[in-house]
Amino acid sequence: MKIFRCEKNSDSTDHSYITDLSSGYLSGGLDHPFITVVSPLKKIIVLILWMAVSAFLVVGSHKLFGLPDEVAGSLYFITIGITVSSVLNYYKKRESV
């Protein structure tokens, strides 16, 4: 089952509809300065979301598998640190491009 059909455009023999779509909508010509800069509020929201996901996984595994408190506590702080580092590095790399 094909989702996209690559049919030739009647106006041009060089392009297909998919190429026109990708070159028009995904090109850098539509960049807006307020869209490319990520707001600090968005960073904080995404950071809190992923911290909650990682905390849920650690607390859930603590309850489900009966991990000792010492292991669960260490794992909790390690996963929170990895999460914060990953999110901040993602947005740092995204803004530097």
C-alpha atoms as a PDB file:
ATOM      1  CA  MET A   1       0.000   0.000   0.000  1.00  0.00           C
ATOM      2  CA  LYS A   2       1.538   3.249  -1.116  1.00  0.00           C
ATOM      3  CA  ILE A   3       0.855   6.358   0.885  1.00  0.00           C
ATOM      4  CA  PHE A   4       2.452   8.807  -1.524  1.00  0.00           C
ATOM      5  CA  ARG A   5       2.113   8.648  -5.266  1.00  0.00           C
ATOM      6  CA  CYS A   6       4.914  10.146  -7.292  1.00  0.00           C
ATOM      7  CA  GLU A   7       3.056  11.544 -10.243  1.00  0.00           C
ATOM      8  CA  LYS A   8       4.542  13.989 -12.670  1.00  0.00           C
ATOM      9  CA  ASN A   9       3.362  17.559 -12.467  1.00  0.00           C
ATOM     10  CA  SER A  10       1.665  18.649 -15.677  1.00  0.00           C
ATOM     11  CA  ASP A  11       3.450  22.030 -15.652  1.00  0.00           C
ATOM     12  CA  SER A  12       6.926  20.657 -15.243  1.00  0.00           C
ATOM     13  CA  THR A  13       8.510  17.392 -16.269  1.00  0.00           C
ATOM     14  CA  ASP A  14      11.333  17.615 -13.733  1.00  0.00           C
ATOM     15  CA  HIS A  15       9.403  17.641 -10.471  1.00  0.00           C
ATOM     16  CA  SER A  16       6.955  15.351  -8.795  1.00  0.00           C
ATOM     17  CA  TYR A  17       4.358  16.464  -6.262  1.00  0.00           C
ATOM     18  CA  ILE A  18       6.466  15.147  -3.396  1.00  0.00           C
ATOM     19  CA  THR A  19       9.516  17.093  -4.533  1.00  0.00           C
ATOM     20  CA  ASP A  20       7.443  20.248  -4.808  1.00  0.00           C
ATOM     21  CA  LEU A  21       6.062  19.647  -1.334  1.00  0.00           C
ATOM     22  CA  SER A  22       9.451  19.002   0.234  1.00  0.00           C
ATOM     23  CA  SER A  23      11.199  21.854  -1.528  1.00  0.00           C
ATOM     24  CA  GLY A  24       8.426  24.324  -0.785  1.00  0.00           C
ATOM     25  CA  TYR A  25       7.347  23.525   2.747  1.00  0.00           C
ATOM     26  CA  LEU A  26      10.521  22.096   4.205  1.00  0.00           C
ATOM     27  CA  SER A  27      12.970  24.601   2.803  1.00  0.00           C
ATOM     28  CA  GLY A  28      14.680  27.240   4.865  1.00  0.00           C
ATOM     29  CA  GLY A  29      12.806  30.011   3.090  1.00  0.00           C
ATOM     30  CA  LEU A  30       9.866  29.720   5.459  1.00  0.00           C
ATOM     31  CA  ASP A  31      11.938  30.224   8.613  1.00  0.00           C
ATOM     32  CA  HIS A  32      10.724  32.946  10.889  1.00  0.00           C
ATOM     33  CA  PRO A  33      13.029  34.345  13.594  1.00  0.00           C
ATOM     34  CA  PHE A  34      10.477  33.759  16.343  1.00  0.00           C
ATOM     35  CA  ILE A  35       9.937  30.156  15.253  1.00  0.00           C
ATOM     36  CA  THR A  36      13.609  29.155  15.123  1.00  0.00           C
ATOM     37  CA  VAL A  37      14.403  30.423  18.622  1.00  0.00           C
ATOM     38  CA  VAL A  38      13.061  28.094  21.290  1.00  0.00           C
ATOM     39  CA  SER A  39      11.508  29.923  24.186  1.00  0.00           C
ATOM     40  CA  PRO A  40      12.781  29.209  27.709  1.00  0.00           C
ATOM     41  CA  LEU A  41       9.238  28.310  28.746  1.00  0.00           C
ATOM     42  CA  LYS A  42       9.141  25.528  26.154  1.00  0.00           C
ATOM     43  CA  LYS A  43      12.486  24.221  27.397  1.00  0.00           C
ATOM     44  CA  ILE A  44      11.210  24.169  30.967  1.00  0.00           C
ATOM     45  CA  ILE A  45       7.974  22.409  29.998  1.00  0.00           C
ATOM     46  CA  VAL A  46       9.801  19.752  27.969  1.00  0.00           C
ATOM     47  CA  LEU A  47      12.362  19.348  30.746  1.00  0.00           C
ATOM     48  CA  ILE A  48       9.680  18.820  33.385  1.00  0.00           C
ATOM     49  CA  LEU A  49       7.819  16.399  31.107  1.00  0.00           C
ATOM     50  CA  TRP A  50      10.841  14.165  30.522  1.00  0.00           C
ATOM     51  CA  MET A  51      11.877  14.366  34.178  1.00  0.00           C
ATOM     52  CA  ALA A  52       8.399  13.133  35.093  1.00  0.00           C
ATOM     53  CA  VAL A  53       8.665  10.278  32.586  1.00  0.00           C
ATOM     54  CA  SER A  54      12.044   9.164  33.917  1.00  0.00           C
ATOM     55  CA  ALA A  55      10.875   9.494  37.531  1.00  0.00           C
ATOM     56  CA  PHE A  56       7.755   7.441  36.725  1.00  0.00           C
ATOM     57  CA  LEU A  57       9.911   4.709  35.209  1.00  0.00           C
ATOM     58  CA  VAL A  58      12.212   4.550  38.226  1.00  0.00           C
ATOM     59  CA  VAL A  59       9.418   4.638  40.814  1.00  0.00           C
ATOM     60  CA  GLY A  60       7.402   2.144  38.789  1.00  0.00           C
ATOM     61  CA  SER A  61      10.321  -0.261  38.556  1.00  0.00           C
ATOM     62  CA  HIS A  62      10.915   0.210  42.289  1.00  0.00           C
ATOM     63  CA  LYS A  63       7.316  -0.820  43.018  1.00  0.00           C
ATOM     64  CA  LEU A  64       7.101  -3.518  40.337  1.00  0.00           C
ATOM     65  CA  PHE A  65      10.426  -5.278  40.865  1.00  0.00           C
ATOM     66  CA  GLY A  66      10.951  -4.451  44.545  1.00  0.00           C
ATOM     67  CA  LEU A  67      14.268  -2.682  44.096  1.00  0.00           C
ATOM     68  CA  PRO A  68      16.043  -1.734  47.316  1.00  0.00           C
ATOM     69  CA  ASP A  69      15.726   1.913  48.315  1.00  0.00           C
ATOM     70  CA  GLU A  70      19.456   2.500  47.861  1.00  0.00           C
ATOM     71  CA  VAL A  71      19.365   1.293  44.256  1.00  0.00           C
ATOM     72  CA  ALA A  72      16.135   3.115  43.419  1.00  0.00           C
ATOM     73  CA  GLY A  73      17.418   6.386  44.905  1.00  0.00           C
ATOM     74  CA  SER A  74      20.686   6.200  42.988  1.00  0.00           C
ATOM     75  CA  LEU A  75      18.886   5.261  39.807  1.00  0.00           C
ATOM     76  CA  TYR A  76      16.439   8.135  40.311  1.00  0.00           C
ATOM     77  CA  PHE A  77      19.163  10.787  40.535  1.00  0.00           C
ATOM     78  CA  ILE A  78      21.157   9.287  37.667  1.00  0.00           C
ATOM     79  CA  THR A  79      18.138   9.203  35.343  1.00  0.00           C
ATOM     80  CA  ILE A  80      17.137  12.756  36.286  1.00  0.00           C
ATOM     81  CA  GLY A  81      20.690  13.913  35.522  1.00  0.00           C
ATOM     82  CA  ILE A  82      20.747  12.109  32.177  1.00  0.00           C
ATOM     83  CA  THR A  83      17.336  13.546  31.314  1.00  0.00           C
ATOM     84  CA  VAL A  84      18.319  17.129  32.110  1.00  0.00           C
ATOM     85  CA  SER A  85      21.591  16.784  30.234  1.00  0.00           C
ATOM     86  CA  SER A  86      19.898  15.263  27.188  1.00  0.00           C
ATOM     87  CA  VAL A  87      17.158  17.887  26.946  1.00  0.00           C
ATOM     88  CA  LEU A  88      19.517  20.823  27.399  1.00  0.00           C
ATOM     89  CA  ASN A  89      22.017  19.422  24.881  1.00  0.00           C
ATOM     90  CA  TYR A  90      19.210  18.806  22.378  1.00  0.00           C
ATOM     91  CA  TYR A  91      18.061  22.422  22.501  1.00  0.00           C
ATOM     92  CA  LYS A  92      21.625  23.722  22.560  1.00  0.00           C
ATOM     93  CA  LYS A  93      22.407  21.790  19.368  1.00  0.00           C
ATOM     94  CA  ARG A  94      19.100  22.853  17.799  1.00  0.00           C
ATOM     95  CA  GLU A  95      19.732  26.553  18.451  1.00  0.00           C
ATOM     96  CA  SER A  96      23.314  26.452  17.196  1.00  0.00           C
ATOM     97  CA  VAL A  97      22.262  25.233  13.745  1.00  0.00           C
END
